[in-house]
């Protein structure tokens, strides 16, 4: 295939953050049932780690505008220095985190040429 033929083809993109985004959304939904329980520590740890992974993929893809979303999730669900929030506050935050994980996973893309 010549270079001119390849120029007309769309650039292949990879959604590197899709798997951690879906896993983060699942963890956030599981976290709804773990609010007020000892299991919430484990869920918050998983959510924070997956948010940091998505943040790293945002940096790698040079899509800096997505970085505040996983950074905020990592700070709020930080298990080392946990925030003392009421259960009524955690419930909508869990759903917001799940939505944020899904959106970030779908939107953050890396081209094969950037790798």
N, C-alpha and C. Protein backbone atom coordinates (compact mmCIF):
# COMPACT_ATOMS: atom_id res chain seq x y z
N UNK A 1 0.85 -1.16 0.00
CA UNK A 1 0.00 0.00 0.00
C UNK A 1 0.90 1.23 0.00
N UNK A 2 0.58 2.18 -0.83
CA UNK A 2 1.40 3.38 -0.93
C UNK A 2 1.03 4.37 0.16
N UNK A 3 1.89 5.33 0.32
CA UNK A 3 1.68 6.34 1.35
C UNK A 3 0.43 7.17 1.08
N UNK A 4 0.13 7.46 -0.19
CA UNK A 4 -1.05 8.26 -0.51
C UNK A 4 -2.33 7.51 -0.21
N UNK A 5 -2.31 6.18 -0.36
CA UNK A 5 -3.50 5.40 -0.04
C UNK A 5 -3.72 5.37 1.47
N UNK A 6 -2.65 5.31 2.23
CA UNK A 6 -2.79 5.30 3.68
C UNK A 6 -3.22 6.66 4.21
N UNK A 7 -2.92 7.72 3.51
CA UNK A 7 -3.30 9.06 3.96
C UNK A 7 -4.80 9.26 3.93
N UNK A 8 -5.49 8.54 3.05
CA UNK A 8 -6.95 8.68 2.95
C UNK A 8 -7.68 7.86 4.00
N UNK A 9 -7.01 6.92 4.61
CA UNK A 9 -7.65 6.08 5.62
C UNK A 9 -7.72 6.82 6.95
N UNK A 10 -8.77 6.58 7.72
CA UNK A 10 -8.81 7.22 9.05
C UNK A 10 -7.73 6.64 9.95
N UNK A 11 -7.26 7.47 10.84
CA UNK A 11 -6.20 7.07 11.76
C UNK A 11 -6.77 6.10 12.80
N UNK A 12 -6.14 4.92 12.98
CA UNK A 12 -6.66 3.97 13.97
C UNK A 12 -6.47 4.51 15.39
N UNK A 13 -7.51 4.40 16.17
CA UNK A 13 -7.49 4.89 17.55
C UNK A 13 -7.72 3.74 18.51
N UNK A 14 -7.12 3.84 19.67
CA UNK A 14 -7.32 2.85 20.73
C UNK A 14 -7.93 3.53 21.93
N UNK A 15 -8.90 2.89 22.52
CA UNK A 15 -9.51 3.38 23.75
C UNK A 15 -8.82 2.67 24.92
N UNK A 16 -7.67 3.19 25.29
CA UNK A 16 -6.87 2.55 26.34
C UNK A 16 -7.55 2.62 27.71
N UNK A 17 -8.36 3.64 27.94
CA UNK A 17 -8.98 3.83 29.24
C UNK A 17 -10.34 3.14 29.36
N UNK A 18 -10.76 2.42 28.32
CA UNK A 18 -12.09 1.81 28.35
C UNK A 18 -12.19 0.71 29.41
N UNK A 19 -11.22 -0.20 29.45
CA UNK A 19 -11.28 -1.30 30.42
C UNK A 19 -11.24 -0.78 31.86
N UNK A 20 -10.28 0.10 32.22
CA UNK A 20 -10.32 0.61 33.60
C UNK A 20 -11.55 1.47 33.86
N UNK A 21 -12.09 2.11 32.83
CA UNK A 21 -13.29 2.91 33.01
C UNK A 21 -14.50 2.04 33.34
N UNK A 22 -14.63 0.93 32.61
CA UNK A 22 -15.75 0.02 32.90
C UNK A 22 -15.57 -0.66 34.25
N UNK A 23 -14.34 -1.05 34.57
CA UNK A 23 -14.10 -1.65 35.89
C UNK A 23 -14.35 -0.64 37.01
N UNK A 24 -13.98 0.62 36.78
CA UNK A 24 -14.24 1.66 37.77
C UNK A 24 -15.73 1.91 37.96
N UNK A 25 -16.48 1.86 36.86
CA UNK A 25 -17.93 2.04 36.96
C UNK A 25 -18.56 0.89 37.74
N UNK A 26 -18.09 -0.33 37.49
CA UNK A 26 -18.59 -1.48 38.24
C UNK A 26 -18.24 -1.35 39.72
N UNK A 27 -17.02 -0.93 40.00
CA UNK A 27 -16.61 -0.75 41.40
C UNK A 27 -17.43 0.34 42.08
N UNK A 28 -17.74 1.41 41.35
CA UNK A 28 -18.54 2.48 41.95
C UNK A 28 -19.97 2.01 42.24
N UNK A 29 -20.52 1.20 41.36
CA UNK A 29 -21.88 0.67 41.60
C UNK A 29 -21.85 -0.32 42.76
N UNK A 30 -20.81 -1.15 42.85
CA UNK A 30 -20.67 -2.05 44.00
C UNK A 30 -20.51 -1.22 45.27
N UNK A 31 -19.84 -0.07 45.14
CA UNK A 31 -19.65 0.81 46.29
C UNK A 31 -20.94 1.36 46.85
N UNK A 32 -21.98 1.43 46.02
CA UNK A 32 -23.29 1.87 46.52
C UNK A 32 -23.77 0.92 47.61
N UNK A 33 -23.54 -0.37 47.42
CA UNK A 33 -23.98 -1.36 48.39
C UNK A 33 -23.02 -1.48 49.57
N UNK A 34 -21.82 -0.93 49.41
CA UNK A 34 -20.82 -1.03 50.48
C UNK A 34 -20.75 0.22 51.35
N UNK A 35 -21.56 1.23 51.07
CA UNK A 35 -21.53 2.46 51.86
C UNK A 35 -21.90 2.14 53.30
N UNK A 36 -21.07 2.62 54.22
CA UNK A 36 -21.32 2.38 55.64
C UNK A 36 -20.85 1.02 56.11
N UNK A 37 -20.17 0.28 55.26
CA UNK A 37 -19.71 -1.05 55.57
C UNK A 37 -18.18 -1.06 55.56
N UNK A 38 -17.57 -2.09 56.12
CA UNK A 38 -16.11 -2.20 56.10
C UNK A 38 -15.58 -2.45 54.70
N UNK A 39 -16.41 -3.00 53.84
CA UNK A 39 -16.02 -3.27 52.46
C UNK A 39 -15.79 -1.99 51.66
N UNK A 40 -16.31 -0.87 52.16
CA UNK A 40 -16.17 0.39 51.44
C UNK A 40 -14.71 0.81 51.33
N UNK A 41 -13.87 0.42 52.29
CA UNK A 41 -12.44 0.73 52.22
C UNK A 41 -11.82 0.07 50.98
N UNK A 42 -12.14 -1.19 50.75
CA UNK A 42 -11.61 -1.91 49.60
C UNK A 42 -12.14 -1.29 48.30
N UNK A 43 -13.42 -0.96 48.28
CA UNK A 43 -14.02 -0.36 47.09
C UNK A 43 -13.38 1.00 46.81
N UNK A 44 -13.16 1.79 47.83
CA UNK A 44 -12.55 3.10 47.62
C UNK A 44 -11.11 2.96 47.13
N UNK A 45 -10.41 1.95 47.60
CA UNK A 45 -9.05 1.70 47.13
C UNK A 45 -9.06 1.35 45.64
N UNK A 46 -9.96 0.48 45.23
CA UNK A 46 -10.07 0.07 43.83
C UNK A 46 -10.44 1.26 42.96
N UNK A 47 -11.40 2.07 43.40
CA UNK A 47 -11.82 3.23 42.64
C UNK A 47 -10.68 4.23 42.49
N UNK A 48 -9.95 4.48 43.56
CA UNK A 48 -8.84 5.44 43.49
C UNK A 48 -7.74 4.95 42.54
N UNK A 49 -7.40 3.69 42.60
CA UNK A 49 -6.35 3.16 41.72
C UNK A 49 -6.78 3.21 40.27
N UNK A 50 -8.02 2.83 39.97
CA UNK A 50 -8.50 2.88 38.59
C UNK A 50 -8.60 4.31 38.08
N UNK A 51 -8.93 5.24 38.95
CA UNK A 51 -8.95 6.64 38.54
C UNK A 51 -7.55 7.14 38.20
N UNK A 52 -6.56 6.71 38.96
CA UNK A 52 -5.17 7.09 38.65
C UNK A 52 -4.71 6.47 37.34
N UNK A 53 -5.14 5.26 37.05
CA UNK A 53 -4.80 4.63 35.78
C UNK A 53 -5.42 5.40 34.62
N UNK A 54 -6.68 5.79 34.76
CA UNK A 54 -7.33 6.57 33.70
C UNK A 54 -6.65 7.92 33.55
N UNK A 55 -6.25 8.52 34.65
CA UNK A 55 -5.52 9.78 34.58
C UNK A 55 -4.22 9.63 33.82
N UNK A 56 -3.53 8.52 34.03
CA UNK A 56 -2.28 8.28 33.31
C UNK A 56 -2.55 8.13 31.81
N UNK A 57 -3.63 7.44 31.45
CA UNK A 57 -3.97 7.31 30.03
C UNK A 57 -4.35 8.66 29.43
N UNK A 58 -4.96 9.53 30.21
CA UNK A 58 -5.28 10.88 29.73
C UNK A 58 -3.99 11.66 29.45
N UNK A 59 -3.00 11.48 30.30
CA UNK A 59 -1.71 12.15 30.08
C UNK A 59 -1.02 11.56 28.85
N UNK A 60 -1.03 10.24 28.71
CA UNK A 60 -0.39 9.61 27.57
C UNK A 60 -1.04 10.01 26.25
N UNK A 61 -2.36 10.19 26.26
CA UNK A 61 -3.06 10.55 25.03
C UNK A 61 -3.02 12.04 24.75
N UNK A 62 -2.39 12.79 25.63
CA UNK A 62 -2.28 14.25 25.52
C UNK A 62 -3.66 14.92 25.50
N UNK A 63 -4.59 14.34 26.21
CA UNK A 63 -5.92 14.93 26.37
C UNK A 63 -6.02 15.45 27.81
N UNK A 64 -5.29 16.55 28.05
CA UNK A 64 -5.14 17.09 29.40
C UNK A 64 -6.46 17.53 30.01
N UNK A 65 -7.43 17.90 29.20
CA UNK A 65 -8.69 18.41 29.72
C UNK A 65 -9.49 17.33 30.45
N UNK A 66 -9.15 16.05 30.27
CA UNK A 66 -9.82 14.99 31.00
C UNK A 66 -9.14 14.67 32.33
N UNK A 67 -7.99 15.22 32.58
CA UNK A 67 -7.24 14.90 33.78
C UNK A 67 -7.92 15.31 35.10
N UNK A 68 -8.64 16.44 35.16
CA UNK A 68 -9.28 16.78 36.44
C UNK A 68 -10.33 15.77 36.92
N UNK A 69 -11.00 15.10 36.00
CA UNK A 69 -12.02 14.14 36.40
C UNK A 69 -11.43 12.96 37.17
N UNK A 70 -10.45 12.22 36.62
CA UNK A 70 -9.90 11.13 37.42
C UNK A 70 -9.11 11.61 38.63
N UNK A 71 -8.53 12.81 38.54
CA UNK A 71 -7.81 13.33 39.71
C UNK A 71 -8.77 13.60 40.86
N UNK A 72 -9.93 14.18 40.55
CA UNK A 72 -10.93 14.43 41.59
C UNK A 72 -11.46 13.14 42.19
N UNK A 73 -11.69 12.15 41.34
CA UNK A 73 -12.16 10.85 41.84
C UNK A 73 -11.10 10.22 42.75
N UNK A 74 -9.85 10.30 42.34
CA UNK A 74 -8.77 9.71 43.16
C UNK A 74 -8.64 10.42 44.51
N UNK A 75 -8.88 11.72 44.54
CA UNK A 75 -8.77 12.45 45.80
C UNK A 75 -9.95 12.15 46.72
N UNK A 76 -11.16 12.12 46.17
CA UNK A 76 -12.35 11.90 47.00
C UNK A 76 -12.38 10.47 47.54
N UNK A 77 -11.97 9.49 46.74
CA UNK A 77 -12.01 8.10 47.17
C UNK A 77 -10.67 7.62 47.70
N UNK A 78 -9.79 8.53 48.08
CA UNK A 78 -8.48 8.20 48.60
C UNK A 78 -8.63 7.40 49.90
N UNK A 79 -8.17 6.15 49.93
CA UNK A 79 -8.33 5.36 51.16
C UNK A 79 -7.29 5.69 52.23
N UNK A 80 -6.21 6.35 51.85
CA UNK A 80 -5.16 6.66 52.83
C UNK A 80 -5.61 7.79 53.74
N UNK A 81 -6.15 8.85 53.15
CA UNK A 81 -6.70 9.97 53.91
C UNK A 81 -8.17 10.09 53.51
N UNK A 82 -9.05 9.29 54.10
CA UNK A 82 -10.44 9.27 53.67
C UNK A 82 -11.20 10.54 54.08
N UNK A 83 -12.13 10.91 53.23
CA UNK A 83 -13.02 12.04 53.55
C UNK A 83 -14.16 11.53 54.42
N UNK A 84 -14.48 12.27 55.45
CA UNK A 84 -15.59 11.90 56.34
C UNK A 84 -16.86 12.54 55.81
N UNK A 85 -17.52 11.82 54.90
CA UNK A 85 -18.77 12.30 54.33
C UNK A 85 -19.92 11.43 54.81
N UNK A 86 -21.08 12.02 54.87
CA UNK A 86 -22.27 11.27 55.29
C UNK A 86 -22.65 10.28 54.20
N UNK A 87 -23.36 9.23 54.61
CA UNK A 87 -23.79 8.22 53.65
C UNK A 87 -24.68 8.82 52.57
N UNK A 88 -25.47 9.83 52.92
CA UNK A 88 -26.35 10.47 51.95
C UNK A 88 -25.56 11.25 50.90
N UNK A 89 -24.34 11.63 51.22
CA UNK A 89 -23.48 12.33 50.25
C UNK A 89 -22.75 11.32 49.37
N UNK A 90 -22.35 10.19 49.94
CA UNK A 90 -21.62 9.18 49.18
C UNK A 90 -22.48 8.57 48.08
N UNK A 91 -23.78 8.42 48.34
CA UNK A 91 -24.65 7.75 47.37
C UNK A 91 -24.65 8.44 46.00
N UNK A 92 -24.95 9.73 45.90
CA UNK A 92 -24.90 10.35 44.56
C UNK A 92 -23.47 10.44 44.01
N UNK A 93 -22.48 10.54 44.89
CA UNK A 93 -21.09 10.58 44.42
C UNK A 93 -20.69 9.26 43.76
N UNK A 94 -21.20 8.15 44.27
CA UNK A 94 -20.91 6.86 43.65
C UNK A 94 -21.45 6.80 42.22
N UNK A 95 -22.68 7.27 42.03
CA UNK A 95 -23.27 7.27 40.69
C UNK A 95 -22.56 8.26 39.77
N UNK A 96 -22.16 9.39 40.31
CA UNK A 96 -21.41 10.37 39.50
C UNK A 96 -20.05 9.81 39.10
N UNK A 97 -19.40 9.10 40.00
CA UNK A 97 -18.11 8.48 39.67
C UNK A 97 -18.29 7.41 38.60
N UNK A 98 -19.35 6.62 38.70
CA UNK A 98 -19.60 5.59 37.69
C UNK A 98 -19.81 6.23 36.31
N UNK A 99 -20.57 7.30 36.27
CA UNK A 99 -20.79 8.00 35.00
C UNK A 99 -19.49 8.61 34.49
N UNK A 100 -18.70 9.18 35.38
CA UNK A 100 -17.43 9.76 34.99
C UNK A 100 -16.46 8.73 34.44
N UNK A 101 -16.43 7.56 35.07
CA UNK A 101 -15.57 6.49 34.57
C UNK A 101 -15.97 6.05 33.17
N UNK A 102 -17.27 5.91 32.94
CA UNK A 102 -17.74 5.46 31.62
C UNK A 102 -17.42 6.50 30.56
N UNK A 103 -17.70 7.77 30.85
CA UNK A 103 -17.45 8.82 29.87
C UNK A 103 -15.96 8.94 29.57
N UNK A 104 -15.13 8.93 30.59
CA UNK A 104 -13.69 9.03 30.37
C UNK A 104 -13.17 7.82 29.60
N UNK A 105 -13.68 6.65 29.91
CA UNK A 105 -13.24 5.45 29.20
C UNK A 105 -13.60 5.47 27.74
N UNK A 106 -14.73 6.05 27.41
CA UNK A 106 -15.15 6.11 26.01
C UNK A 106 -14.46 7.23 25.23
N UNK A 107 -14.12 8.31 25.89
CA UNK A 107 -13.63 9.49 25.18
C UNK A 107 -12.11 9.54 25.07
N UNK A 108 -11.40 9.05 26.06
CA UNK A 108 -9.93 9.12 26.02
C UNK A 108 -9.43 8.08 25.03
N UNK A 109 -8.80 8.58 23.95
CA UNK A 109 -8.31 7.70 22.89
C UNK A 109 -6.87 8.06 22.54
N UNK A 110 -6.13 7.04 22.15
CA UNK A 110 -4.73 7.22 21.75
C UNK A 110 -4.60 6.67 20.34
N UNK A 111 -3.93 7.43 19.45
CA UNK A 111 -3.70 6.92 18.11
C UNK A 111 -2.52 5.96 18.15
N UNK A 112 -2.50 5.04 17.20
CA UNK A 112 -1.41 4.08 17.14
C UNK A 112 -0.09 4.75 16.81
N UNK A 113 -0.13 5.89 16.16
CA UNK A 113 1.09 6.59 15.80
C UNK A 113 1.74 7.27 17.00
N UNK A 114 0.95 7.58 18.05
CA UNK A 114 1.49 8.21 19.25
C UNK A 114 2.20 7.22 20.13
N UNK A 115 1.92 5.94 19.98
CA UNK A 115 2.54 4.93 20.82
C UNK A 115 3.94 4.80 20.39
